[in-house]
Amino acid sequence: METEFRCPVCHAVIPANDVNVATDLALCRACGRTSSFALVSGASQISLDLLATPPRSIRVEEDFDGTVITYRRISPAVLFLIPFTAFWSGLSMWGIYGSQFKKGQFELGQCLFGLPFLFGTIVLLSVIASLLFGKWRIALRQGEGSVFFGVGPLGWTRRFTYNRNTVVSLRLTSVRVNEVPQQGIAVQTDGTELVFGSSLKQDAKKFIAAVLTKAVVEIR
């Protein structure tokens, strides 16, 4: 099946004859704009047809003011991390601090020696909490967008704007899984770019990118 290329700006189909992979350029005759082939390829992976069947891990809420996308999925990695943390942290914490607590005497040197193990336990527990209860929340409100990832109210938030010149695409990031670069969702607006979601499942990335593309198209 021949790949169908679409303009990342107006979303019109770009004939294969107007795509030059060697020079990394593609010309859209519908709007007259030239874009890099990498950008065209990333935008062409996004189809508004995906909006009809959201992945099971995604919930979409719409109202008169905008759209909110929530993604929550328990990672299978917790099947390894929970027993590993229980074994590793249990042995180290009991061996260093539990024995002192049992005797009712604490030695400064031994307590200081145990700090890296304590910090490691905190990090592992934080990762487990994120994998079990973490969620992504993407909100789109009349040209203003935000991306939140965290557990409950705790996490990080990135904000962006979108307008008629915004380009949404999927592109490779520096994040790797088994040495394979992962795609992220890229939102480019007037010279600024936000890339997020490299850890999401591929179907979730494409669906979220489709919702963002729809919001851009509607604002035009």
N, C-alpha and C. Protein backbone atom coordinates (compact mmCIF):
# COMPACT_ATOMS: atom_id res chain seq x y z
N MET A 1 0.85 -1.20 0.00
CA MET A 1 0.00 0.00 0.00
C MET A 1 0.88 1.25 0.00
N GLU A 2 0.64 2.16 -0.94
CA GLU A 2 1.45 3.37 -1.08
C GLU A 2 1.14 4.34 0.06
N THR A 3 2.21 4.91 0.62
CA THR A 3 2.05 5.86 1.71
C THR A 3 1.42 7.15 1.20
N GLU A 4 0.46 7.66 1.94
CA GLU A 4 -0.19 8.91 1.58
C GLU A 4 0.40 10.03 2.43
N PHE A 5 1.06 10.98 1.79
CA PHE A 5 1.67 12.09 2.50
C PHE A 5 0.68 13.25 2.58
N ARG A 6 0.67 13.90 3.73
CA ARG A 6 -0.21 15.05 3.92
C ARG A 6 0.57 16.25 4.40
N CYS A 7 0.13 17.41 3.98
CA CYS A 7 0.77 18.66 4.39
C CYS A 7 0.55 18.87 5.89
N PRO A 8 1.62 19.15 6.64
CA PRO A 8 1.46 19.37 8.08
C PRO A 8 0.76 20.68 8.43
N VAL A 9 0.59 21.55 7.43
CA VAL A 9 -0.04 22.86 7.67
C VAL A 9 -1.52 22.84 7.32
N CYS A 10 -1.85 22.44 6.08
CA CYS A 10 -3.26 22.46 5.65
C CYS A 10 -3.87 21.07 5.57
N HIS A 11 -3.03 20.03 5.72
CA HIS A 11 -3.47 18.63 5.74
C HIS A 11 -3.98 18.12 4.39
N ALA A 12 -3.67 18.85 3.33
CA ALA A 12 -4.02 18.35 1.99
C ALA A 12 -3.04 17.24 1.60
N VAL A 13 -3.50 16.36 0.70
CA VAL A 13 -2.64 15.26 0.24
C VAL A 13 -1.54 15.82 -0.65
N ILE A 14 -0.30 15.37 -0.43
CA ILE A 14 0.84 15.77 -1.25
C ILE A 14 1.20 14.60 -2.15
N PRO A 15 1.13 14.77 -3.47
CA PRO A 15 1.49 13.68 -4.39
C PRO A 15 2.95 13.27 -4.19
N ALA A 16 3.22 12.00 -4.45
CA ALA A 16 4.59 11.48 -4.27
C ALA A 16 5.60 12.24 -5.12
N ASN A 17 5.17 12.75 -6.28
CA ASN A 17 6.08 13.48 -7.16
C ASN A 17 6.55 14.80 -6.55
N ASP A 18 5.80 15.30 -5.56
CA ASP A 18 6.18 16.57 -4.93
C ASP A 18 6.96 16.35 -3.63
N VAL A 19 7.37 15.10 -3.40
CA VAL A 19 8.16 14.77 -2.22
C VAL A 19 9.56 14.37 -2.67
N ASN A 20 10.57 15.05 -2.15
CA ASN A 20 11.96 14.75 -2.49
C ASN A 20 12.69 14.34 -1.21
N VAL A 21 12.83 13.04 -1.03
CA VAL A 21 13.46 12.53 0.19
C VAL A 21 14.93 12.94 0.24
N ALA A 22 15.61 12.99 -0.91
CA ALA A 22 17.04 13.30 -0.96
C ALA A 22 17.33 14.69 -0.41
N THR A 23 16.46 15.65 -0.72
CA THR A 23 16.66 17.02 -0.24
C THR A 23 15.87 17.32 1.03
N ASP A 24 15.11 16.31 1.51
CA ASP A 24 14.29 16.45 2.72
C ASP A 24 13.27 17.57 2.57
N LEU A 25 12.63 17.64 1.40
CA LEU A 25 11.65 18.69 1.14
C LEU A 25 10.39 18.10 0.51
N ALA A 26 9.27 18.72 0.83
CA ALA A 26 7.99 18.34 0.23
C ALA A 26 7.19 19.61 -0.02
N LEU A 27 6.62 19.71 -1.22
CA LEU A 27 5.86 20.89 -1.61
C LEU A 27 4.37 20.58 -1.60
N CYS A 28 3.60 21.41 -0.88
CA CYS A 28 2.15 21.30 -0.90
C CYS A 28 1.61 22.33 -1.88
N ARG A 29 1.02 21.89 -2.96
CA ARG A 29 0.50 22.81 -3.96
C ARG A 29 -0.83 23.43 -3.52
N ALA A 30 -1.47 22.81 -2.52
CA ALA A 30 -2.75 23.36 -2.04
C ALA A 30 -2.55 24.68 -1.30
N CYS A 31 -1.51 24.75 -0.45
CA CYS A 31 -1.28 25.99 0.30
C CYS A 31 0.01 26.68 -0.11
N GLY A 32 0.81 26.01 -0.97
CA GLY A 32 2.03 26.62 -1.47
C GLY A 32 3.20 26.58 -0.51
N ARG A 33 3.10 25.81 0.57
CA ARG A 33 4.18 25.78 1.56
C ARG A 33 5.10 24.58 1.33
N THR A 34 6.37 24.81 1.65
CA THR A 34 7.37 23.75 1.59
C THR A 34 7.74 23.33 3.00
N SER A 35 7.73 22.03 3.25
CA SER A 35 8.05 21.51 4.58
C SER A 35 9.11 20.42 4.45
N SER A 36 9.77 20.13 5.55
CA SER A 36 10.75 19.05 5.54
C SER A 36 10.02 17.72 5.40
N PHE A 37 10.69 16.77 4.76
CA PHE A 37 10.06 15.45 4.60
C PHE A 37 9.82 14.79 5.95
N ALA A 38 10.74 15.01 6.90
CA ALA A 38 10.58 14.42 8.23
C ALA A 38 9.30 14.92 8.89
N LEU A 39 9.01 16.23 8.72
CA LEU A 39 7.80 16.79 9.31
C LEU A 39 6.56 16.27 8.60
N VAL A 40 6.63 16.18 7.28
CA VAL A 40 5.50 15.65 6.50
C VAL A 40 5.23 14.20 6.87
N SER A 41 6.30 13.42 7.01
CA SER A 41 6.15 12.02 7.37
C SER A 41 5.52 11.86 8.74
N GLY A 42 5.96 12.71 9.70
CA GLY A 42 5.40 12.64 11.05
C GLY A 42 3.95 13.05 11.10
N ALA A 43 3.59 14.07 10.33
CA ALA A 43 2.20 14.53 10.31
C ALA A 43 1.30 13.55 9.57
N SER A 44 1.86 12.82 8.61
CA SER A 44 1.07 11.89 7.80
C SER A 44 0.65 10.66 8.59
N GLN A 45 1.29 10.43 9.73
CA GLN A 45 0.91 9.29 10.57
C GLN A 45 -0.36 9.56 11.38
N ILE A 46 -0.81 10.80 11.35
CA ILE A 46 -1.96 11.21 12.15
C ILE A 46 -3.21 11.23 11.26
N SER A 47 -4.22 10.51 11.68
CA SER A 47 -5.48 10.46 10.92
C SER A 47 -6.63 10.81 11.84
N LEU A 48 -7.49 11.71 11.37
CA LEU A 48 -8.66 12.08 12.16
C LEU A 48 -9.66 10.93 12.26
N ASP A 49 -9.50 9.92 11.42
CA ASP A 49 -10.38 8.75 11.50
C ASP A 49 -10.19 8.01 12.82
N LEU A 50 -9.02 8.19 13.45
CA LEU A 50 -8.74 7.53 14.72
C LEU A 50 -9.66 8.01 15.84
N LEU A 51 -10.23 9.19 15.68
CA LEU A 51 -11.05 9.77 16.74
C LEU A 51 -12.32 8.96 17.00
N ALA A 52 -12.71 8.14 16.04
CA ALA A 52 -13.93 7.34 16.20
C ALA A 52 -13.74 6.19 17.18
N THR A 53 -12.49 5.76 17.39
CA THR A 53 -12.24 4.61 18.26
C THR A 53 -11.09 4.91 19.23
N PRO A 54 -11.37 5.59 20.34
CA PRO A 54 -10.32 5.89 21.31
C PRO A 54 -9.76 4.61 21.93
N PRO A 55 -8.45 4.57 22.21
CA PRO A 55 -7.88 3.41 22.92
C PRO A 55 -8.53 3.26 24.28
N ARG A 56 -8.53 2.05 24.81
CA ARG A 56 -9.20 1.78 26.09
C ARG A 56 -8.59 2.57 27.23
N SER A 57 -7.33 2.94 27.11
CA SER A 57 -6.64 3.65 28.20
C SER A 57 -6.90 5.15 28.18
N ILE A 58 -7.70 5.62 27.22
CA ILE A 58 -7.91 7.07 27.06
C ILE A 58 -9.37 7.43 27.29
N ARG A 59 -9.57 8.54 28.00
CA ARG A 59 -10.91 9.11 28.17
C ARG A 59 -10.89 10.55 27.64
N VAL A 60 -11.88 10.89 26.85
CA VAL A 60 -11.98 12.23 26.27
C VAL A 60 -13.24 12.90 26.78
N GLU A 61 -13.09 14.11 27.32
CA GLU A 61 -14.23 14.88 27.82
C GLU A 61 -14.28 16.20 27.06
N GLU A 62 -15.43 16.53 26.51
CA GLU A 62 -15.59 17.76 25.76
C GLU A 62 -16.72 18.59 26.34
N ASP A 63 -16.52 19.91 26.34
CA ASP A 63 -17.58 20.82 26.74
C ASP A 63 -17.49 22.06 25.86
N PHE A 64 -18.26 23.07 26.17
CA PHE A 64 -18.30 24.27 25.34
C PHE A 64 -16.98 25.02 25.35
N ASP A 65 -16.15 24.76 26.37
CA ASP A 65 -14.91 25.52 26.55
C ASP A 65 -13.70 24.82 25.95
N GLY A 66 -13.77 23.53 25.71
CA GLY A 66 -12.61 22.83 25.17
C GLY A 66 -12.67 21.33 25.37
N THR A 67 -11.49 20.71 25.34
CA THR A 67 -11.37 19.26 25.40
C THR A 67 -10.31 18.86 26.43
N VAL A 68 -10.59 17.80 27.17
CA VAL A 68 -9.62 17.25 28.12
C VAL A 68 -9.42 15.77 27.81
N ILE A 69 -8.16 15.38 27.61
CA ILE A 69 -7.81 13.99 27.34
C ILE A 69 -7.09 13.43 28.56
N THR A 70 -7.54 12.30 29.06
CA THR A 70 -6.88 11.66 30.20
C THR A 70 -6.41 10.28 29.79
N TYR A 71 -5.12 10.01 30.03
CA TYR A 71 -4.53 8.71 29.70
C TYR A 71 -4.01 8.08 30.98
N ARG A 72 -4.48 6.88 31.27
CA ARG A 72 -4.01 6.15 32.45
C ARG A 72 -3.88 4.68 32.09
N ARG A 73 -2.70 4.13 32.36
CA ARG A 73 -2.45 2.73 32.05
C ARG A 73 -1.41 2.19 33.02
N ILE A 74 -1.71 1.07 33.66
CA ILE A 74 -0.76 0.45 34.58
C ILE A 74 0.30 -0.28 33.77
N SER A 75 1.56 0.08 34.02
CA SER A 75 2.65 -0.53 33.27
C SER A 75 2.96 -1.93 33.80
N PRO A 76 3.20 -2.88 32.90
CA PRO A 76 3.57 -4.24 33.35
C PRO A 76 4.92 -4.28 34.06
N ALA A 77 5.68 -3.20 33.98
CA ALA A 77 6.99 -3.15 34.66
C ALA A 77 6.85 -3.30 36.17
N VAL A 78 5.65 -2.96 36.72
CA VAL A 78 5.47 -3.06 38.17
C VAL A 78 5.55 -4.52 38.63
N LEU A 79 5.29 -5.47 37.73
CA LEU A 79 5.36 -6.88 38.10
C LEU A 79 6.78 -7.28 38.50
N PHE A 80 7.77 -6.54 37.96
CA PHE A 80 9.16 -6.76 38.34
C PHE A 80 9.58 -5.83 39.48
N LEU A 81 9.18 -4.57 39.39
CA LEU A 81 9.67 -3.57 40.35
C LEU A 81 9.16 -3.81 41.77
N ILE A 82 7.91 -4.23 41.92
CA ILE A 82 7.37 -4.41 43.28
C ILE A 82 8.12 -5.49 44.05
N PRO A 83 8.27 -6.72 43.51
CA PRO A 83 9.03 -7.71 44.28
C PRO A 83 10.51 -7.35 44.42
N PHE A 84 11.09 -6.71 43.39
CA PHE A 84 12.49 -6.30 43.49
C PHE A 84 12.69 -5.29 44.60
N THR A 85 11.80 -4.28 44.67
CA THR A 85 11.91 -3.26 45.70
C THR A 85 11.69 -3.85 47.09
N ALA A 86 10.71 -4.75 47.19
CA ALA A 86 10.43 -5.37 48.49
C ALA A 86 11.64 -6.17 48.97
N PHE A 87 12.30 -6.87 48.07
CA PHE A 87 13.46 -7.69 48.45
C PHE A 87 14.68 -6.83 48.73
N TRP A 88 15.03 -5.96 47.74
CA TRP A 88 16.25 -5.15 47.87
C TRP A 88 16.15 -4.15 49.01
N SER A 89 15.05 -3.40 49.04
CA SER A 89 14.89 -2.38 50.08
C SER A 89 14.65 -3.00 51.44
N GLY A 90 13.90 -4.11 51.45
CA GLY A 90 13.65 -4.76 52.73
C GLY A 90 14.92 -5.24 53.39
N LEU A 91 15.78 -5.88 52.62
CA LEU A 91 17.05 -6.37 53.18
C LEU A 91 17.95 -5.22 53.62
N SER A 92 18.11 -4.22 52.75
CA SER A 92 19.03 -3.12 53.07
C SER A 92 18.51 -2.28 54.23
N MET A 93 17.21 -1.94 54.22
CA MET A 93 16.68 -1.10 55.29
C MET A 93 16.69 -1.82 56.64
N TRP A 94 16.34 -3.10 56.63
CA TRP A 94 16.35 -3.83 57.89
C TRP A 94 17.77 -4.06 58.38
N GLY A 95 18.66 -4.39 57.45
CA GLY A 95 20.03 -4.64 57.85
C GLY A 95 20.73 -3.41 58.41
N ILE A 96 20.40 -2.24 57.88
CA ILE A 96 21.10 -1.02 58.31
C ILE A 96 20.37 -0.31 59.45
N TYR A 97 19.06 -0.13 59.30
CA TYR A 97 18.31 0.65 60.29
C TYR A 97 17.50 -0.23 61.24
N GLY A 98 16.95 -1.34 60.75
CA GLY A 98 16.11 -2.17 61.58
C GLY A 98 16.84 -2.75 62.77
N SER A 99 18.07 -3.22 62.52
CA SER A 99 18.86 -3.79 63.62
C SER A 99 19.17 -2.74 64.68
N GLN A 100 19.43 -1.50 64.25
CA GLN A 100 19.71 -0.43 65.21
C GLN A 100 18.46 -0.07 66.01
N PHE A 101 17.34 -0.05 65.31
CA PHE A 101 16.09 0.27 65.99
C PHE A 101 15.75 -0.80 67.01
N LYS A 102 16.02 -2.04 66.67
CA LYS A 102 15.73 -3.16 67.58
C LYS A 102 16.57 -3.06 68.85
N LYS A 103 17.83 -2.63 68.70
CA LYS A 103 18.71 -2.48 69.85
C LYS A 103 18.47 -1.18 70.61
N GLY A 104 17.78 -0.24 69.96
CA GLY A 104 17.55 1.06 70.60
C GLY A 104 18.78 1.94 70.59
N GLN A 105 19.74 1.63 69.75
CA GLN A 105 20.96 2.41 69.64
C GLN A 105 21.24 2.70 68.17
N PHE A 106 21.62 3.94 67.89
CA PHE A 106 21.89 4.35 66.52
C PHE A 106 23.32 4.85 66.39
N GLU A 107 24.01 4.35 65.38
CA GLU A 107 25.39 4.76 65.13
C GLU A 107 25.40 5.68 63.92
N LEU A 108 26.02 6.85 64.08
CA LEU A 108 26.03 7.86 63.02
C LEU A 108 26.65 7.32 61.73
N GLY A 109 27.76 6.64 61.84
CA GLY A 109 28.43 6.13 60.65
C GLY A 109 27.57 5.15 59.87
N GLN A 110 26.91 4.25 60.58
CA GLN A 110 26.06 3.27 59.92
C GLN A 110 24.83 3.93 59.30
N CYS A 111 24.30 4.95 59.99
CA CYS A 111 23.14 5.69 59.45
C CYS A 111 23.51 6.42 58.16
N LEU A 112 24.69 7.05 58.16
CA LEU A 112 25.14 7.76 56.96
C LEU A 112 25.40 6.78 55.82
N PHE A 113 25.94 5.61 56.16
CA PHE A 113 26.19 4.59 55.14
C PHE A 113 24.89 4.13 54.48
N GLY A 114 23.80 4.16 55.23
CA GLY A 114 22.52 3.69 54.70
C GLY A 114 21.75 4.71 53.89
N LEU A 115 22.22 5.98 53.88
CA LEU A 115 21.47 7.02 53.16
C LEU A 115 21.28 6.71 51.67
N PRO A 116 22.32 6.25 50.93
CA PRO A 116 22.09 5.93 49.51
C PRO A 116 21.01 4.87 49.32
N PHE A 117 20.98 3.88 50.22
CA PHE A 117 19.95 2.84 50.13
C PHE A 117 18.57 3.41 50.43
N LEU A 118 18.51 4.36 51.36
CA LEU A 118 17.24 5.01 51.68
C LEU A 118 16.74 5.83 50.51
N PHE A 119 17.64 6.62 49.90
CA PHE A 119 17.26 7.42 48.74
C PHE A 119 16.85 6.52 47.57
N GLY A 120 17.58 5.41 47.39
CA GLY A 120 17.22 4.47 46.32
C GLY A 120 15.84 3.88 46.52
N THR A 121 15.51 3.58 47.79
CA THR A 121 14.18 3.05 48.10
C THR A 121 13.10 4.08 47.80
N ILE A 122 13.35 5.34 48.15
CA ILE A 122 12.37 6.40 47.88
C ILE A 122 12.15 6.55 46.38
N VAL A 123 13.25 6.49 45.62
CA VAL A 123 13.13 6.61 44.16
C VAL A 123 12.33 5.45 43.58
N LEU A 124 12.63 4.23 44.03
CA LEU A 124 11.91 3.06 43.53
C LEU A 124 10.43 3.12 43.88
N LEU A 125 10.12 3.54 45.10
CA LEU A 125 8.71 3.65 45.49
C LEU A 125 8.00 4.73 44.67
N SER A 126 8.72 5.82 44.36
CA SER A 126 8.13 6.89 43.53
C SER A 126 7.83 6.37 42.13
N VAL A 127 8.76 5.60 41.58
CA VAL A 127 8.56 5.04 40.24
C VAL A 127 7.38 4.08 40.24
N ILE A 128 7.28 3.25 41.25
CA ILE A 128 6.17 2.30 41.34
C ILE A 128 4.83 3.04 41.44
N ALA A 129 4.79 4.09 42.27
CA ALA A 129 3.57 4.88 42.40
C ALA A 129 3.18 5.51 41.08
N SER A 130 4.20 6.00 40.33
CA SER A 130 3.94 6.61 39.03
C SER A 130 3.39 5.59 38.05
N LEU A 131 3.97 4.37 38.04
CA LEU A 131 3.52 3.34 37.11
C LEU A 131 2.13 2.81 37.46
N LEU A 132 1.80 2.82 38.76
CA LEU A 132 0.50 2.31 39.19
C LEU A 132 -0.61 3.35 39.09
N PHE A 133 -0.29 4.58 39.51
CA PHE A 133 -1.34 5.60 39.65
C PHE A 133 -1.12 6.85 38.79
N GLY A 134 -0.01 6.89 38.05
CA GLY A 134 0.27 8.07 37.24
C GLY A 134 -0.71 8.24 36.09
N LYS A 135 -0.91 9.46 35.68
CA LYS A 135 -1.82 9.73 34.56
C LYS A 135 -1.31 10.93 33.76
N TRP A 136 -1.67 10.93 32.48
CA TRP A 136 -1.45 12.08 31.60
C TRP A 136 -2.77 12.81 31.44
N ARG A 137 -2.69 14.14 31.44
CA ARG A 137 -3.89 14.94 31.25
C ARG A 137 -3.55 16.08 30.29
N ILE A 138 -4.16 16.07 29.12
CA ILE A 138 -3.93 17.11 28.11
C ILE A 138 -5.20 17.93 27.98
N ALA A 139 -5.11 19.21 28.26
CA ALA A 139 -6.28 20.09 28.20
C ALA A 139 -6.11 21.10 27.07
N LEU A 140 -7.16 21.28 26.29
CA LEU A 140 -7.16 22.24 25.17
C LEU A 140 -8.29 23.22 25.39
N ARG A 141 -7.94 24.51 25.55
CA ARG A 141 -8.93 25.53 25.84
C ARG A 141 -8.72 26.76 24.96
N GLN A 142 -9.40 26.81 23.84
CA GLN A 142 -9.44 28.02 23.00
C GLN A 142 -8.05 28.59 22.71
N GLY A 143 -7.19 27.75 22.15
CA GLY A 143 -5.86 28.21 21.78
C GLY A 143 -4.81 28.05 22.85
N GLU A 144 -5.21 27.65 24.05
CA GLU A 144 -4.28 27.41 25.15
C GLU A 144 -4.30 25.93 25.51
N GLY A 145 -3.12 25.33 25.63
CA GLY A 145 -3.04 23.92 25.95
C GLY A 145 -2.11 23.66 27.12
N SER A 146 -2.32 22.55 27.79
CA SER A 146 -1.43 22.15 28.89
C SER A 146 -1.30 20.63 28.90
N VAL A 147 -0.12 20.16 29.30
CA VAL A 147 0.16 18.73 29.42
C VAL A 147 0.61 18.48 30.86
N PHE A 148 -0.11 17.60 31.56
CA PHE A 148 0.23 17.27 32.95
C PHE A 148 0.52 15.79 33.04
N PHE A 149 1.58 15.45 33.79
CA PHE A 149 1.83 14.06 34.14
C PHE A 149 2.20 13.98 35.60
N GLY A 150 1.55 13.08 36.33
CA GLY A 150 1.85 12.94 37.74
C GLY A 150 0.90 11.99 38.43
N VAL A 151 1.01 11.97 39.75
CA VAL A 151 0.15 11.16 40.60
C VAL A 151 -0.69 12.10 41.44
N GLY A 152 -2.00 12.03 41.28
CA GLY A 152 -2.86 12.97 41.99
C GLY A 152 -2.53 14.40 41.56
N PRO A 153 -2.34 15.31 42.54
CA PRO A 153 -2.00 16.68 42.19
C PRO A 153 -0.50 16.90 42.01
N LEU A 154 0.31 15.87 42.28
CA LEU A 154 1.76 16.00 42.22
C LEU A 154 2.27 15.59 40.85
N GLY A 155 3.07 16.44 40.23
CA GLY A 155 3.62 16.12 38.93
C GLY A 155 4.16 17.36 38.25
N TRP A 156 4.36 17.27 36.95
CA TRP A 156 4.84 18.43 36.20
C TRP A 156 3.83 18.81 35.13
N THR A 157 3.83 20.08 34.79
CA THR A 157 2.90 20.61 33.78
C THR A 157 3.68 21.43 32.76
N ARG A 158 3.39 21.23 31.50
CA ARG A 158 3.95 22.04 30.41
C ARG A 158 2.80 22.71 29.67
N ARG A 159 2.99 23.95 29.33
CA ARG A 159 1.94 24.71 28.64
C ARG A 159 2.38 25.09 27.23
N PHE A 160 1.39 25.23 26.36
CA PHE A 160 1.68 25.60 24.98
C PHE A 160 0.48 26.34 24.40
N THR A 161 0.70 27.00 23.31
CA THR A 161 -0.40 27.66 22.59
C THR A 161 -0.55 26.99 21.23
N TYR A 162 -1.73 27.08 20.66
CA TYR A 162 -1.93 26.56 19.31
C TYR A 162 -2.83 27.53 18.55
N ASN A 163 -2.55 27.65 17.25
CA ASN A 163 -3.32 28.55 16.38
C ASN A 163 -3.34 27.98 14.96
N ARG A 164 -3.73 28.80 14.01
CA ARG A 164 -3.88 28.32 12.63
C ARG A 164 -2.55 27.91 12.00
N ASN A 165 -1.42 28.32 12.60
CA ASN A 165 -0.12 27.96 12.06
C ASN A 165 0.52 26.77 12.78
N THR A 166 -0.16 26.21 13.75
CA THR A 166 0.40 25.10 14.54
C THR A 166 0.50 23.84 13.70
N VAL A 167 1.60 23.12 13.89
CA VAL A 167 1.83 21.85 13.21
C VAL A 167 1.97 20.76 14.26
N VAL A 168 1.16 19.72 14.14
CA VAL A 168 1.22 18.57 15.05
C VAL A 168 1.78 17.39 14.28
N SER A 169 2.75 16.71 14.87
CA SER A 169 3.36 15.56 14.19
C SER A 169 3.91 14.58 15.22
N LEU A 170 4.30 13.43 14.75
CA LEU A 170 5.01 12.44 15.57
C LEU A 170 6.45 12.41 15.09
N ARG A 171 7.40 12.54 16.00
CA ARG A 171 8.80 12.51 15.59
C ARG A 171 9.64 11.77 16.61
N LEU A 172 10.80 11.29 16.17
CA LEU A 172 11.69 10.54 17.04
C LEU A 172 12.31 11.45 18.10
N THR A 173 12.50 10.90 19.29
CA THR A 173 13.09 11.63 20.40
C THR A 173 14.37 10.92 20.85
N SER A 174 15.00 11.47 21.87
CA SER A 174 16.21 10.87 22.42
C SER A 174 15.91 9.71 23.36
N VAL A 175 14.63 9.51 23.69
CA VAL A 175 14.24 8.40 24.56
C VAL A 175 14.34 7.09 23.79
N ARG A 176 14.98 6.09 24.40
CA ARG A 176 15.17 4.80 23.75
C ARG A 176 14.63 3.66 24.61
N VAL A 177 14.07 2.67 23.95
CA VAL A 177 13.65 1.43 24.60
C VAL A 177 14.29 0.30 23.83
N ASN A 178 15.16 -0.47 24.50
CA ASN A 178 15.93 -1.53 23.83
C ASN A 178 16.72 -0.96 22.65
N GLU A 179 17.31 0.24 22.88
CA GLU A 179 18.14 0.93 21.89
C GLU A 179 17.35 1.43 20.68
N VAL A 180 16.04 1.41 20.75
CA VAL A 180 15.21 1.90 19.65
C VAL A 180 14.64 3.28 20.03
N PRO A 181 14.92 4.34 19.25
CA PRO A 181 14.37 5.67 19.55
C PRO A 181 12.84 5.65 19.53
N GLN A 182 12.24 6.32 20.49
CA GLN A 182 10.78 6.36 20.59
C GLN A 182 10.23 7.67 20.04
N GLN A 183 9.06 7.59 19.43
CA GLN A 183 8.40 8.78 18.92
C GLN A 183 7.74 9.56 20.06
N GLY A 184 7.70 10.88 19.89
CA GLY A 184 6.96 11.73 20.80
C GLY A 184 5.96 12.56 20.01
N ILE A 185 5.02 13.18 20.69
CA ILE A 185 4.04 14.06 20.06
C ILE A 185 4.64 15.46 20.04
N ALA A 186 4.82 16.03 18.86
CA ALA A 186 5.43 17.35 18.72
C ALA A 186 4.38 18.37 18.33
N VAL A 187 4.35 19.48 19.06
CA VAL A 187 3.43 20.59 18.77
C VAL A 187 4.29 21.83 18.52
N GLN A 188 4.29 22.30 17.27
CA GLN A 188 5.11 23.45 16.88
C GLN A 188 4.20 24.64 16.58
N THR A 189 4.47 25.74 17.26
CA THR A 189 3.67 26.95 17.07
C THR A 189 4.57 28.17 17.05
N ASP A 190 4.63 28.87 15.91
CA ASP A 190 5.36 30.14 15.79
C ASP A 190 6.77 30.06 16.36
N GLY A 191 7.50 29.03 15.97
CA GLY A 191 8.90 28.92 16.38
C GLY A 191 9.15 28.21 17.70
N THR A 192 8.11 27.89 18.44
CA THR A 192 8.28 27.15 19.70
C THR A 192 7.79 25.72 19.51
N GLU A 193 8.36 24.81 20.27
CA GLU A 193 7.98 23.40 20.12
C GLU A 193 7.90 22.72 21.48
N LEU A 194 6.87 21.92 21.65
CA LEU A 194 6.71 21.07 22.82
C LEU A 194 6.63 19.63 22.34
N VAL A 195 7.49 18.77 22.90
CA VAL A 195 7.47 17.35 22.57
C VAL A 195 7.21 16.57 23.85
N PHE A 196 6.25 15.68 23.83
CA PHE A 196 5.90 14.93 25.02
C PHE A 196 5.36 13.55 24.63
N GLY A 197 5.19 12.71 25.66
CA GLY A 197 4.50 11.44 25.46
C GLY A 197 5.32 10.32 24.85
N SER A 198 6.65 10.39 24.91
CA SER A 198 7.46 9.32 24.31
C SER A 198 7.25 7.98 25.00
N SER A 199 6.78 7.99 26.25
CA SER A 199 6.57 6.74 26.99
C SER A 199 5.18 6.15 26.77
N LEU A 200 4.32 6.85 26.04
CA LEU A 200 2.96 6.35 25.81
C LEU A 200 2.95 5.22 24.78
N LYS A 201 1.89 4.43 24.81
CA LYS A 201 1.70 3.42 23.78
C LYS A 201 1.46 4.12 22.44
N GLN A 202 1.86 3.44 21.35
CA GLN A 202 1.80 4.06 20.04
C GLN A 202 0.38 4.45 19.65
N ASP A 203 -0.60 3.60 19.98
CA ASP A 203 -1.99 3.94 19.62
C ASP A 203 -2.46 5.17 20.38
N ALA A 204 -1.99 5.34 21.63
CA ALA A 204 -2.36 6.51 22.41
C ALA A 204 -1.72 7.78 21.83
N LYS A 205 -0.46 7.67 21.39
CA LYS A 205 0.21 8.82 20.78
C LYS A 205 -0.55 9.31 19.55
N LYS A 206 -0.90 8.35 18.69
CA LYS A 206 -1.59 8.72 17.45
C LYS A 206 -2.96 9.33 17.73
N PHE A 207 -3.66 8.78 18.73
CA PHE A 207 -4.99 9.30 19.05
C PHE A 207 -4.89 10.71 19.62
N ILE A 208 -3.98 10.93 20.56
CA ILE A 208 -3.82 12.26 21.16
C ILE A 208 -3.39 13.27 20.10
N ALA A 209 -2.48 12.85 19.21
CA ALA A 209 -2.06 13.74 18.12
C ALA A 209 -3.22 14.08 17.21
N ALA A 210 -4.13 13.13 16.99
CA ALA A 210 -5.30 13.38 16.16
C ALA A 210 -6.24 14.39 16.82
N VAL A 211 -6.41 14.28 18.14
CA VAL A 211 -7.25 15.25 18.87
C VAL A 211 -6.64 16.66 18.77
N LEU A 212 -5.32 16.75 18.92
CA LEU A 212 -4.64 18.04 18.80
C LEU A 212 -4.80 18.61 17.39
N THR A 213 -4.65 17.74 16.39
CA THR A 213 -4.81 18.19 15.01
C THR A 213 -6.22 18.70 14.76
N LYS A 214 -7.21 18.00 15.27
CA LYS A 214 -8.61 18.43 15.14
C LYS A 214 -8.82 19.81 15.77
N ALA A 215 -8.20 20.03 16.94
CA ALA A 215 -8.34 21.33 17.62
C ALA A 215 -7.73 22.44 16.77
N VAL A 216 -6.58 22.14 16.13
CA VAL A 216 -5.94 23.14 15.27
C VAL A 216 -6.79 23.44 14.05
N VAL A 217 -7.33 22.38 13.44
CA VAL A 217 -8.17 22.57 12.26
C VAL A 217 -9.40 23.39 12.58
N GLU A 218 -9.99 23.13 13.72
CA GLU A 218 -11.23 23.84 14.10
C GLU A 218 -10.98 25.31 14.43
N ILE A 219 -9.77 25.63 14.91
CA ILE A 219 -9.49 27.02 15.26
C ILE A 219 -9.27 27.87 14.02
N ARG A 220 -9.08 27.22 12.90
CA ARG A 220 -8.90 27.95 11.65
C ARG A 220 -10.21 28.45 11.11
